[in-house]
């Protein structure tokens, strides 16, 4: 049974480390707002049963899974499985309890806590599940393949090499473990921010589409990724208008499906490859800038000009 400590004691096994226990430690630190071992918590890397038993949180060692007692090992018989039959790693077990809190800690400065549950679920399905598969060497979808640029491989390379003096002794690998944890924490922070931005864009796109007088035309007052929302929510958008960083306003077509180089509706053939005055004369839009020769994108100098190009293209269709 764990005992009370002035700071929480977080315990995992000593020696060579893998992605799952490093990831789990990063998640625990974020969720519990812990910043520095030795200052606000104790990190104990050991295989001594008596020390493991006294720790407040234990993962990837101890042969016990009991979330009520903060025990998260997956090596024992009867260890839990995911719904698809994939065995959990310690990362997956810790994520089920602490993942959403860790995401919330990363979202807190952005004020986007409404996204925490959705982001945690997406990370579980796309990242944590993969850690579970690689750590256990099994997958419900086929053979597990290691990727030299994958997270598990990158974390593994933080371990001291066989001829490094840091590879031996009771604290072997401890410093490298913390370096790997910092790497994972940075990755998680950036991944969460990326997902937050995508979800925020999706919310903005849906609101803009709801305001549109013509459901075929999406007008955005700020540049943002919008195609994912269009496909996810099956919006009948044919053209999207949004500002570009160079001051122009872009007119984008919509492909029939993600990754396609075709368009649901191409810009008029008579505009293909035209620029400036030539395009202005042909289109009747004074500040028209260009239309790509393949007719999938165009631009005008003003919002009104881009919208006018879009409406003329719709009328011509």
C-alpha atoms as a PDB file:
ATOM      1  CA  UNK A   1       0.000   0.000   0.000  1.00  0.00           C
ATOM      2  CA  UNK A   2       1.286   3.479  -0.826  1.00  0.00           C
ATOM      3  CA  UNK A   3       2.152   5.836   2.004  1.00  0.00           C
ATOM      4  CA  UNK A   4       1.884   9.592   2.343  1.00  0.00           C
ATOM      5  CA  UNK A   5       4.830  11.622   1.065  1.00  0.00           C
ATOM      6  CA  UNK A   6       5.538  15.370   1.210  1.00  0.00           C
ATOM      7  CA  UNK A   7       5.620  15.201  -2.604  1.00  0.00           C
ATOM      8  CA  UNK A   8       4.047  12.451  -4.714  1.00  0.00           C
ATOM      9  CA  UNK A   9       6.355   9.574  -5.582  1.00  0.00           C
ATOM     10  CA  UNK A  10       5.992   8.408  -9.179  1.00  0.00           C
ATOM     11  CA  UNK A  11       7.590   5.032  -9.848  1.00  0.00           C
ATOM     12  CA  UNK A  12       8.432   3.054 -12.958  1.00  0.00           C
ATOM     13  CA  UNK A  13      11.106   0.501 -13.739  1.00  0.00           C
ATOM     14  CA  UNK A  14      14.811   1.253 -13.964  1.00  0.00           C
ATOM     15  CA  UNK A  15      17.173   0.419 -16.815  1.00  0.00           C
ATOM     16  CA  UNK A  16      16.390   0.724 -20.512  1.00  0.00           C
ATOM     17  CA  UNK A  17      13.205   2.667 -21.170  1.00  0.00           C
ATOM     18  CA  UNK A  18      10.643   2.567 -23.960  1.00  0.00           C
ATOM     19  CA  UNK A  19       8.141   4.950 -25.434  1.00  0.00           C
ATOM     20  CA  UNK A  20       5.217   3.813 -23.303  1.00  0.00           C
ATOM     21  CA  UNK A  21       6.669   4.593 -19.865  1.00  0.00           C
ATOM     22  CA  UNK A  22       8.209   7.872 -21.041  1.00  0.00           C
ATOM     23  CA  UNK A  23       4.900   8.939 -22.574  1.00  0.00           C
ATOM     24  CA  UNK A  24       3.006   7.924 -19.425  1.00  0.00           C
ATOM     25  CA  UNK A  25       5.352   9.985 -17.259  1.00  0.00           C
ATOM     26  CA  UNK A  26       4.931  13.032 -19.488  1.00  0.00           C
ATOM     27  CA  UNK A  27       1.137  12.665 -19.257  1.00  0.00           C
ATOM     28  CA  UNK A  28       1.215  12.316 -15.473  1.00  0.00           C
ATOM     29  CA  UNK A  29       3.365  15.419 -15.073  1.00  0.00           C
ATOM     30  CA  UNK A  30       1.041  17.483 -17.260  1.00  0.00           C
ATOM     31  CA  UNK A  31      -2.131  16.217 -15.615  1.00  0.00           C
ATOM     32  CA  UNK A  32      -0.794  16.737 -12.091  1.00  0.00           C
ATOM     33  CA  UNK A  33       0.952  20.042 -12.857  1.00  0.00           C
ATOM     34  CA  UNK A  34       4.355  18.665 -11.913  1.00  0.00           C
ATOM     35  CA  UNK A  35       7.402  20.375 -13.349  1.00  0.00           C
ATOM     36  CA  UNK A  36      10.589  19.160 -11.744  1.00  0.00           C
ATOM     37  CA  UNK A  37      11.514  15.850 -10.073  1.00  0.00           C
ATOM     38  CA  UNK A  38      13.080  16.552  -6.716  1.00  0.00           C
ATOM     39  CA  UNK A  39      11.152  19.804  -6.365  1.00  0.00           C
ATOM     40  CA  UNK A  40       7.429  19.037  -6.625  1.00  0.00           C
ATOM     41  CA  UNK A  41       7.573  15.241  -6.973  1.00  0.00           C
ATOM     42  CA  UNK A  42       9.934  12.293  -6.808  1.00  0.00           C
ATOM     43  CA  UNK A  43      10.657  10.174  -9.861  1.00  0.00           C
ATOM     44  CA  UNK A  44      11.664   6.685  -8.756  1.00  0.00           C
ATOM     45  CA  UNK A  45      13.063   4.328 -11.375  1.00  0.00           C
ATOM     46  CA  UNK A  46      13.473   1.007  -9.612  1.00  0.00           C
ATOM     47  CA  UNK A  47      12.582  -2.663  -9.624  1.00  0.00           C
ATOM     48  CA  UNK A  48      12.641  -3.066  -5.854  1.00  0.00           C
ATOM     49  CA  UNK A  49       9.179  -4.313  -4.762  1.00  0.00           C
ATOM     50  CA  UNK A  50       9.257  -2.570  -1.392  1.00  0.00           C
ATOM     51  CA  UNK A  51       9.904   0.833  -3.003  1.00  0.00           C
ATOM     52  CA  UNK A  52       7.330   0.251  -5.719  1.00  0.00           C
ATOM     53  CA  UNK A  53       4.736  -0.690  -3.108  1.00  0.00           C
ATOM     54  CA  UNK A  54       5.232   2.584  -1.238  1.00  0.00           C
ATOM     55  CA  UNK A  55       4.972   4.840  -4.307  1.00  0.00           C
ATOM     56  CA  UNK A  56       1.891   6.951  -4.940  1.00  0.00           C
ATOM     57  CA  UNK A  57       1.672   6.198  -8.675  1.00  0.00           C
ATOM     58  CA  UNK A  58       3.245   3.193 -10.403  1.00  0.00           C
ATOM     59  CA  UNK A  59       3.310   2.363 -14.102  1.00  0.00           C
ATOM     60  CA  UNK A  60       4.913  -0.300 -16.311  1.00  0.00           C
ATOM     61  CA  UNK A  61       6.120  -2.254 -13.298  1.00  0.00           C
ATOM     62  CA  UNK A  62       4.608  -3.930 -10.225  1.00  0.00           C
ATOM     63  CA  UNK A  63       2.324  -6.478 -11.952  1.00  0.00           C
ATOM     64  CA  UNK A  64      -0.822  -4.662 -10.808  1.00  0.00           C
ATOM     65  CA  UNK A  65      -3.504  -2.793 -12.692  1.00  0.00           C
ATOM     66  CA  UNK A  66      -5.760  -0.935 -10.279  1.00  0.00           C
ATOM     67  CA  UNK A  67      -6.586   2.648 -11.334  1.00  0.00           C
ATOM     68  CA  UNK A  68      -8.217   3.312  -7.957  1.00  0.00           C
ATOM     69  CA  UNK A  69      -4.762   2.802  -6.421  1.00  0.00           C
ATOM     70  CA  UNK A  70      -2.893   4.447  -9.294  1.00  0.00           C
ATOM     71  CA  UNK A  71      -1.325   1.164 -10.411  1.00  0.00           C
ATOM     72  CA  UNK A  72      -0.854   0.920 -14.181  1.00  0.00           C
ATOM     73  CA  UNK A  73       1.103  -2.188 -15.159  1.00  0.00           C
ATOM     74  CA  UNK A  74       0.237  -4.340 -18.171  1.00  0.00           C
ATOM     75  CA  UNK A  75       2.657  -7.269 -17.932  1.00  0.00           C
ATOM     76  CA  UNK A  76       0.616  -9.517 -15.650  1.00  0.00           C
ATOM     77  CA  UNK A  77      -1.891 -12.177 -16.667  1.00  0.00           C
ATOM     78  CA  UNK A  78      -5.351 -10.761 -17.126  1.00  0.00           C
ATOM     79  CA  UNK A  79      -4.063  -7.282 -18.023  1.00  0.00           C
ATOM     80  CA  UNK A  80      -6.795  -5.160 -19.653  1.00  0.00           C
ATOM     81  CA  UNK A  81      -7.455  -5.029 -23.391  1.00  0.00           C
ATOM     82  CA  UNK A  82      -8.937  -2.368 -25.601  1.00  0.00           C
ATOM     83  CA  UNK A  83     -12.348  -2.960 -27.165  1.00  0.00           C
ATOM     84  CA  UNK A  84     -10.669  -4.197 -30.374  1.00  0.00           C
ATOM     85  CA  UNK A  85      -8.558  -6.687 -28.425  1.00  0.00           C
ATOM     86  CA  UNK A  86      -5.324  -4.666 -28.470  1.00  0.00           C
ATOM     87  CA  UNK A  87      -3.473  -4.992 -25.145  1.00  0.00           C
ATOM     88  CA  UNK A  88      -2.901  -1.726 -23.362  1.00  0.00           C
ATOM     89  CA  UNK A  89       0.599  -0.506 -22.653  1.00  0.00           C
ATOM     90  CA  UNK A  90       1.281   1.559 -19.550  1.00  0.00           C
ATOM     91  CA  UNK A  91       0.827   4.652 -21.734  1.00  0.00           C
ATOM     92  CA  UNK A  92      -2.659   3.557 -22.739  1.00  0.00           C
ATOM     93  CA  UNK A  93      -3.654   2.700 -19.174  1.00  0.00           C
ATOM     94  CA  UNK A  94      -2.431   6.029 -17.816  1.00  0.00           C
ATOM     95  CA  UNK A  95      -4.071   7.900 -20.695  1.00  0.00           C
ATOM     96  CA  UNK A  96      -7.517   6.462 -19.886  1.00  0.00           C
ATOM     97  CA  UNK A  97      -7.346   8.079 -16.435  1.00  0.00           C
ATOM     98  CA  UNK A  98      -5.142  11.135 -16.927  1.00  0.00           C
ATOM     99  CA  UNK A  99      -5.226  11.881 -20.653  1.00  0.00           C
ATOM    100  CA  UNK A 100      -8.038  14.406 -20.725  1.00  0.00           C
ATOM    101  CA  UNK A 101      -6.566  16.243 -17.731  1.00  0.00           C
ATOM    102  CA  UNK A 102      -3.202  16.402 -19.479  1.00  0.00           C
ATOM    103  CA  UNK A 103      -4.833  17.816 -22.609  1.00  0.00           C
ATOM    104  CA  UNK A 104      -6.710  20.322 -20.468  1.00  0.00           C
ATOM    105  CA  UNK A 105      -3.466  21.485 -18.907  1.00  0.00           C
ATOM    106  CA  UNK A 106      -2.059  22.174 -22.363  1.00  0.00           C
ATOM    107  CA  UNK A 107      -5.237  23.948 -23.492  1.00  0.00           C
ATOM    108  CA  UNK A 108      -5.574  26.119 -20.405  1.00  0.00           C
ATOM    109  CA  UNK A 109      -3.647  29.142 -21.806  1.00  0.00           C
ATOM    110  CA  UNK A 110      -5.670  29.013 -25.009  1.00  0.00           C
ATOM    111  CA  UNK A 111      -9.017  29.013 -23.215  1.00  0.00           C
ATOM    112  CA  UNK A 112     -10.296  26.131 -25.311  1.00  0.00           C
ATOM    113  CA  UNK A 113     -11.284  23.626 -22.643  1.00  0.00           C
ATOM    114  CA  UNK A 114     -14.414  22.670 -24.609  1.00  0.00           C
ATOM    115  CA  UNK A 115     -12.122  20.785 -26.964  1.00  0.00           C
ATOM    116  CA  UNK A 116     -10.334  18.725 -24.287  1.00  0.00           C
ATOM    117  CA  UNK A 117     -12.487  15.595 -24.505  1.00  0.00           C
ATOM    118  CA  UNK A 118     -12.488  15.516 -28.316  1.00  0.00           C
ATOM    119  CA  UNK A 119      -8.730  16.039 -28.520  1.00  0.00           C
ATOM    120  CA  UNK A 120      -8.049  13.391 -25.863  1.00  0.00           C
ATOM    121  CA  UNK A 121     -10.202  10.887 -27.756  1.00  0.00           C
ATOM    122  CA  UNK A 122      -8.484  11.650 -31.068  1.00  0.00           C
ATOM    123  CA  UNK A 123      -5.032  11.326 -29.528  1.00  0.00           C
ATOM    124  CA  UNK A 124      -6.052   8.029 -27.959  1.00  0.00           C
ATOM    125  CA  UNK A 125      -7.240   6.634 -31.283  1.00  0.00           C
ATOM    126  CA  UNK A 126      -4.377   7.928 -33.402  1.00  0.00           C
ATOM    127  CA  UNK A 127      -1.353   8.073 -31.113  1.00  0.00           C
ATOM    128  CA  UNK A 128      -1.782   6.224 -27.828  1.00  0.00           C
ATOM    129  CA  UNK A 129      -3.245   3.148 -29.516  1.00  0.00           C
ATOM    130  CA  UNK A 130      -0.166   3.030 -31.732  1.00  0.00           C
ATOM    131  CA  UNK A 131       2.083   3.138 -28.662  1.00  0.00           C
ATOM    132  CA  UNK A 132       0.070   0.247 -27.197  1.00  0.00           C
ATOM    133  CA  UNK A 133       0.480  -1.781 -30.398  1.00  0.00           C
ATOM    134  CA  UNK A 134       4.225  -1.241 -30.728  1.00  0.00           C
ATOM    135  CA  UNK A 135       4.974  -1.863 -27.055  1.00  0.00           C
ATOM    136  CA  UNK A 136       3.040  -5.136 -27.088  1.00  0.00           C
ATOM    137  CA  UNK A 137       4.073  -6.173 -30.587  1.00  0.00           C
ATOM    138  CA  UNK A 138       0.491  -6.822 -31.666  1.00  0.00           C
ATOM    139  CA  UNK A 139      -2.141  -5.041 -33.705  1.00  0.00           C
ATOM    140  CA  UNK A 140      -5.781  -5.697 -34.525  1.00  0.00           C
ATOM    141  CA  UNK A 141      -5.162  -4.455 -38.080  1.00  0.00           C
ATOM    142  CA  UNK A 142      -2.102  -6.516 -39.035  1.00  0.00           C
ATOM    143  CA  UNK A 143       1.623  -6.900 -38.369  1.00  0.00           C
ATOM    144  CA  UNK A 144       3.277  -4.192 -36.295  1.00  0.00           C
ATOM    145  CA  UNK A 145       5.898  -2.324 -38.294  1.00  0.00           C
ATOM    146  CA  UNK A 146       8.493  -0.108 -36.676  1.00  0.00           C
ATOM    147  CA  UNK A 147       9.113   3.238 -38.297  1.00  0.00           C
ATOM    148  CA  UNK A 148      12.576   4.757 -37.888  1.00  0.00           C
ATOM    149  CA  UNK A 149      10.921   8.176 -37.764  1.00  0.00           C
ATOM    150  CA  UNK A 150       8.111   7.031 -35.452  1.00  0.00           C
ATOM    151  CA  UNK A 151       7.823   8.176 -31.851  1.00  0.00           C
ATOM    152  CA  UNK A 152       8.748   4.790 -30.368  1.00  0.00           C
ATOM    153  CA  UNK A 153      11.989   4.639 -32.364  1.00  0.00           C
ATOM    154  CA  UNK A 154      12.913   8.226 -31.556  1.00  0.00           C
ATOM    155  CA  UNK A 155      12.346   7.704 -27.836  1.00  0.00           C
ATOM    156  CA  UNK A 156      14.333   4.480 -27.887  1.00  0.00           C
ATOM    157  CA  UNK A 157      17.334   6.360 -29.234  1.00  0.00           C
ATOM    158  CA  UNK A 158      17.464   8.481 -26.082  1.00  0.00           C
ATOM    159  CA  UNK A 159      18.766   5.434 -24.174  1.00  0.00           C
ATOM    160  CA  UNK A 160      22.511   5.499 -23.525  1.00  0.00           C
ATOM    161  CA  UNK A 161      24.524   3.335 -25.909  1.00  0.00           C
ATOM    162  CA  UNK A 162      26.235   0.217 -24.578  1.00  0.00           C
ATOM    163  CA  UNK A 163      29.623   1.945 -24.390  1.00  0.00           C
ATOM    164  CA  UNK A 164      28.342   5.098 -22.709  1.00  0.00           C
ATOM    165  CA  UNK A 165      29.379   5.276 -19.012  1.00  0.00           C
ATOM    166  CA  UNK A 166      25.823   6.449 -18.270  1.00  0.00           C
ATOM    167  CA  UNK A 167      24.550   3.009 -19.311  1.00  0.00           C
ATOM    168  CA  UNK A 168      25.794   1.394 -16.102  1.00  0.00           C
ATOM    169  CA  UNK A 169      25.082   1.854 -12.416  1.00  0.00           C
ATOM    170  CA  UNK A 170      21.983   2.278 -10.247  1.00  0.00           C
ATOM    171  CA  UNK A 171      20.955   5.532 -11.967  1.00  0.00           C
ATOM    172  CA  UNK A 172      21.740   4.389 -15.513  1.00  0.00           C
ATOM    173  CA  UNK A 173      19.537   6.137 -18.038  1.00  0.00           C
ATOM    174  CA  UNK A 174      17.864   8.451 -15.518  1.00  0.00           C
ATOM    175  CA  UNK A 175      19.075  11.655 -17.155  1.00  0.00           C
ATOM    176  CA  UNK A 176      18.251  10.310 -20.609  1.00  0.00           C
ATOM    177  CA  UNK A 177      14.755   9.380 -19.368  1.00  0.00           C
ATOM    178  CA  UNK A 178      14.141  13.017 -18.429  1.00  0.00           C
ATOM    179  CA  UNK A 179      15.473  14.212 -21.783  1.00  0.00           C
ATOM    180  CA  UNK A 180      13.097  11.843 -23.556  1.00  0.00           C
ATOM    181  CA  UNK A 181      10.221  13.066 -21.377  1.00  0.00           C
ATOM    182  CA  UNK A 182      10.924  16.671 -22.367  1.00  0.00           C
ATOM    183  CA  UNK A 183      10.857  15.601 -26.017  1.00  0.00           C
ATOM    184  CA  UNK A 184       7.499  13.840 -25.610  1.00  0.00           C
ATOM    185  CA  UNK A 185       6.042  16.787 -23.697  1.00  0.00           C
ATOM    186  CA  UNK A 186       6.992  19.174 -26.503  1.00  0.00           C
ATOM    187  CA  UNK A 187       5.473  16.822 -29.073  1.00  0.00           C
ATOM    188  CA  UNK A 188       2.254  16.537 -27.078  1.00  0.00           C
ATOM    189  CA  UNK A 189       2.034  20.296 -26.638  1.00  0.00           C
ATOM    190  CA  UNK A 190       2.383  20.885 -30.366  1.00  0.00           C
ATOM    191  CA  UNK A 191       0.007  18.060 -31.300  1.00  0.00           C
ATOM    192  CA  UNK A 192      -2.665  19.322 -28.908  1.00  0.00           C
ATOM    193  CA  UNK A 193      -2.286  22.864 -30.229  1.00  0.00           C
ATOM    194  CA  UNK A 194      -2.596  21.611 -33.797  1.00  0.00           C
ATOM    195  CA  UNK A 195      -5.779  19.684 -32.998  1.00  0.00           C
ATOM    196  CA  UNK A 196      -7.190  22.634 -31.063  1.00  0.00           C
ATOM    197  CA  UNK A 197      -6.604  24.912 -34.036  1.00  0.00           C
ATOM    198  CA  UNK A 198      -8.274  22.446 -36.387  1.00  0.00           C
ATOM    199  CA  UNK A 199     -11.334  22.125 -34.148  1.00  0.00           C
ATOM    200  CA  UNK A 200     -11.513  25.901 -33.713  1.00  0.00           C
ATOM    201  CA  UNK A 201     -11.370  26.303 -37.499  1.00  0.00           C
ATOM    202  CA  UNK A 202     -14.127  23.730 -37.892  1.00  0.00           C
ATOM    203  CA  UNK A 203     -16.333  25.681 -35.480  1.00  0.00           C
ATOM    204  CA  UNK A 204     -15.639  28.922 -37.358  1.00  0.00           C
ATOM    205  CA  UNK A 205     -16.306  27.330 -40.766  1.00  0.00           C
ATOM    206  CA  UNK A 206     -19.655  25.909 -39.639  1.00  0.00           C
ATOM    207  CA  UNK A 207     -20.686  29.286 -38.226  1.00  0.00           C
ATOM    208  CA  UNK A 208     -19.646  31.069 -41.431  1.00  0.00           C
ATOM    209  CA  UNK A 209     -21.541  28.580 -43.558  1.00  0.00           C
ATOM    210  CA  UNK A 210     -24.646  29.002 -41.447  1.00  0.00           C
ATOM    211  CA  UNK A 211     -24.470  32.777 -42.045  1.00  0.00           C
ATOM    212  CA  UNK A 212     -24.035  32.419 -45.795  1.00  0.00           C
ATOM    213  CA  UNK A 213     -26.894  33.518 -48.032  1.00  0.00           C
ATOM    214  CA  UNK A 214     -25.871  30.857 -50.552  1.00  0.00           C
ATOM    215  CA  UNK A 215     -24.875  27.463 -49.089  1.00  0.00           C
ATOM    216  CA  UNK A 216     -22.611  26.906 -52.102  1.00  0.00           C
ATOM    217  CA  UNK A 217     -20.435  29.857 -51.127  1.00  0.00           C
ATOM    218  CA  UNK A 218     -18.296  29.913 -47.968  1.00  0.00           C
ATOM    219  CA  UNK A 219     -16.918  33.327 -46.967  1.00  0.00           C
ATOM    220  CA  UNK A 220     -14.271  33.419 -44.240  1.00  0.00           C
ATOM    221  CA  UNK A 221     -13.021  36.663 -42.741  1.00  0.00           C
ATOM    222  CA  UNK A 222      -9.767  35.014 -41.628  1.00  0.00           C
ATOM    223  CA  UNK A 223      -7.575  32.532 -43.438  1.00  0.00           C
ATOM    224  CA  UNK A 224      -7.885  29.048 -41.912  1.00  0.00           C
ATOM    225  CA  UNK A 225      -8.048  25.380 -42.943  1.00  0.00           C
ATOM    226  CA  UNK A 226     -11.615  24.804 -44.095  1.00  0.00           C
ATOM    227  CA  UNK A 227     -11.731  21.739 -46.351  1.00  0.00           C
ATOM    228  CA  UNK A 228     -11.784  19.246 -43.471  1.00  0.00           C
ATOM    229  CA  UNK A 229     -14.957  20.818 -42.071  1.00  0.00           C
ATOM    230  CA  UNK A 230     -16.590  20.853 -45.500  1.00  0.00           C
ATOM    231  CA  UNK A 231     -15.980  17.125 -45.986  1.00  0.00           C
ATOM    232  CA  UNK A 232     -16.620  16.080 -42.381  1.00  0.00           C
ATOM    233  CA  UNK A 233     -19.992  17.819 -42.310  1.00  0.00           C
ATOM    234  CA  UNK A 234     -20.871  17.203 -45.954  1.00  0.00           C
ATOM    235  CA  UNK A 235     -21.377  20.902 -46.695  1.00  0.00           C
ATOM    236  CA  UNK A 236     -22.554  21.686 -50.272  1.00  0.00           C
ATOM    237  CA  UNK A 237     -19.798  24.273 -50.741  1.00  0.00           C
ATOM    238  CA  UNK A 238     -18.491  24.879 -54.266  1.00  0.00           C
ATOM    239  CA  UNK A 239     -16.335  27.964 -53.638  1.00  0.00           C
ATOM    240  CA  UNK A 240     -14.572  29.423 -50.596  1.00  0.00           C
ATOM    241  CA  UNK A 241     -13.428  33.022 -50.234  1.00  0.00           C
ATOM    242  CA  UNK A 242     -10.808  34.003 -47.654  1.00  0.00           C
ATOM    243  CA  UNK A 243      -7.999  36.564 -47.177  1.00  0.00           C
ATOM    244  CA  UNK A 244      -4.418  35.721 -48.138  1.00  0.00           C
ATOM    245  CA  UNK A 245      -1.265  36.869 -46.344  1.00  0.00           C
ATOM    246  CA  UNK A 246      -0.281  39.079 -49.315  1.00  0.00           C
ATOM    247  CA  UNK A 247      -3.430  41.207 -48.998  1.00  0.00           C
ATOM    248  CA  UNK A 248      -5.410  39.588 -51.796  1.00  0.00           C
ATOM    249  CA  UNK A 249      -8.603  37.609 -51.291  1.00  0.00           C
ATOM    250  CA  UNK A 250      -8.491  34.039 -52.545  1.00  0.00           C
ATOM    251  CA  UNK A 251     -11.240  32.183 -54.363  1.00  0.00           C
ATOM    252  CA  UNK A 252     -10.795  28.424 -53.919  1.00  0.00           C
ATOM    253  CA  UNK A 253     -12.725  25.611 -55.508  1.00  0.00           C
ATOM    254  CA  UNK A 254     -13.637  22.434 -53.619  1.00  0.00           C
ATOM    255  CA  UNK A 255     -12.439  18.980 -54.697  1.00  0.00           C
ATOM    256  CA  UNK A 256     -15.073  16.240 -54.828  1.00  0.00           C
ATOM    257  CA  UNK A 257     -13.216  14.302 -52.127  1.00  0.00           C
ATOM    258  CA  UNK A 258     -10.136  14.761 -49.933  1.00  0.00           C
ATOM    259  CA  UNK A 259      -6.916  14.488 -51.907  1.00  0.00           C
ATOM    260  CA  UNK A 260      -8.549  14.840 -55.319  1.00  0.00           C
ATOM    261  CA  UNK A 261      -7.104  17.225 -57.905  1.00  0.00           C
ATOM    262  CA  UNK A 262     -10.512  17.670 -59.539  1.00  0.00           C
ATOM    263  CA  UNK A 263     -13.132  20.233 -58.538  1.00  0.00           C
ATOM    264  CA  UNK A 264     -16.801  20.014 -57.708  1.00  0.00           C
ATOM    265  CA  UNK A 265     -17.137  23.047 -59.963  1.00  0.00           C
ATOM    266  CA  UNK A 266     -14.160  24.577 -61.751  1.00  0.00           C
ATOM    267  CA  UNK A 267     -13.927  28.302 -62.406  1.00  0.00           C
ATOM    268  CA  UNK A 268     -15.157  29.337 -65.885  1.00  0.00           C
ATOM    269  CA  UNK A 269     -13.026  28.099 -68.746  1.00  0.00           C
ATOM    270  CA  UNK A 270     -12.956  31.587 -70.261  1.00  0.00           C
ATOM    271  CA  UNK A 271     -11.022  32.817 -67.193  1.00  0.00           C
ATOM    272  CA  UNK A 272      -8.335  30.112 -67.261  1.00  0.00           C
ATOM    273  CA  UNK A 273      -4.823  31.545 -67.069  1.00  0.00           C
ATOM    274  CA  UNK A 274      -5.919  35.191 -67.244  1.00  0.00           C
ATOM    275  CA  UNK A 275      -4.459  37.925 -65.052  1.00  0.00           C
ATOM    276  CA  UNK A 276      -5.091  41.564 -64.070  1.00  0.00           C
ATOM    277  CA  UNK A 277      -6.695  43.730 -66.802  1.00  0.00           C
ATOM    278  CA  UNK A 278      -7.286  40.771 -69.102  1.00  0.00           C
ATOM    279  CA  UNK A 279      -9.164  38.874 -66.381  1.00  0.00           C
ATOM    280  CA  UNK A 280     -11.002  42.030 -65.314  1.00  0.00           C
ATOM    281  CA  UNK A 281     -12.299  42.514 -68.863  1.00  0.00           C
ATOM    282  CA  UNK A 282     -13.324  38.891 -69.276  1.00  0.00           C
ATOM    283  CA  UNK A 283     -14.923  38.474 -65.841  1.00  0.00           C
ATOM    284  CA  UNK A 284     -16.335  41.946 -65.332  1.00  0.00           C
ATOM    285  CA  UNK A 285     -14.677  42.180 -61.891  1.00  0.00           C
ATOM    286  CA  UNK A 286     -12.497  45.314 -61.777  1.00  0.00           C
ATOM    287  CA  UNK A 287      -9.972  44.169 -59.166  1.00  0.00           C
ATOM    288  CA  UNK A 288      -9.625  40.567 -60.319  1.00  0.00           C
ATOM    289  CA  UNK A 289      -5.999  39.419 -60.003  1.00  0.00           C
ATOM    290  CA  UNK A 290      -5.713  35.983 -61.596  1.00  0.00           C
ATOM    291  CA  UNK A 291      -7.297  32.602 -62.254  1.00  0.00           C
ATOM    292  CA  UNK A 292      -5.046  29.543 -62.437  1.00  0.00           C
ATOM    293  CA  UNK A 293      -4.889  27.874 -65.832  1.00  0.00           C
ATOM    294  CA  UNK A 294      -6.308  24.714 -64.232  1.00  0.00           C
ATOM    295  CA  UNK A 295      -9.220  26.777 -62.855  1.00  0.00           C
ATOM    296  CA  UNK A 296      -9.022  25.557 -59.255  1.00  0.00           C
ATOM    297  CA  UNK A 297      -8.078  28.882 -57.665  1.00  0.00           C
ATOM    298  CA  UNK A 298      -8.307  32.606 -58.343  1.00  0.00           C
ATOM    299  CA  UNK A 299      -7.922  35.899 -56.522  1.00  0.00           C
ATOM    300  CA  UNK A 300      -9.052  39.505 -56.342  1.00  0.00           C
ATOM    301  CA  UNK A 301      -7.650  42.514 -54.538  1.00  0.00           C
ATOM    302  CA  UNK A 302     -10.718  42.888 -52.300  1.00  0.00           C
ATOM    303  CA  UNK A 303     -13.203  40.738 -50.437  1.00  0.00           C
ATOM    304  CA  UNK A 304     -15.982  42.122 -52.590  1.00  0.00           C
ATOM    305  CA  UNK A 305     -14.072  41.306 -55.763  1.00  0.00           C
ATOM    306  CA  UNK A 306     -13.467  37.692 -54.741  1.00  0.00           C
ATOM    307  CA  UNK A 307     -17.109  37.250 -53.755  1.00  0.00           C
ATOM    308  CA  UNK A 308     -18.195  38.764 -57.069  1.00  0.00           C
ATOM    309  CA  UNK A 309     -15.954  36.333 -58.960  1.00  0.00           C
ATOM    310  CA  UNK A 310     -17.520  33.463 -57.030  1.00  0.00           C
ATOM    311  CA  UNK A 311     -21.077  34.598 -57.734  1.00  0.00           C
ATOM    312  CA  UNK A 312     -20.360  35.085 -61.441  1.00  0.00           C
ATOM    313  CA  UNK A 313     -18.817  31.597 -61.573  1.00  0.00           C
ATOM    314  CA  UNK A 314     -21.911  30.150 -59.910  1.00  0.00           C
ATOM    315  CA  UNK A 315     -24.183  32.011 -62.299  1.00  0.00           C
ATOM    316  CA  UNK A 316     -22.169  30.815 -65.307  1.00  0.00           C
ATOM    317  CA  UNK A 317     -22.537  27.206 -64.160  1.00  0.00           C
END
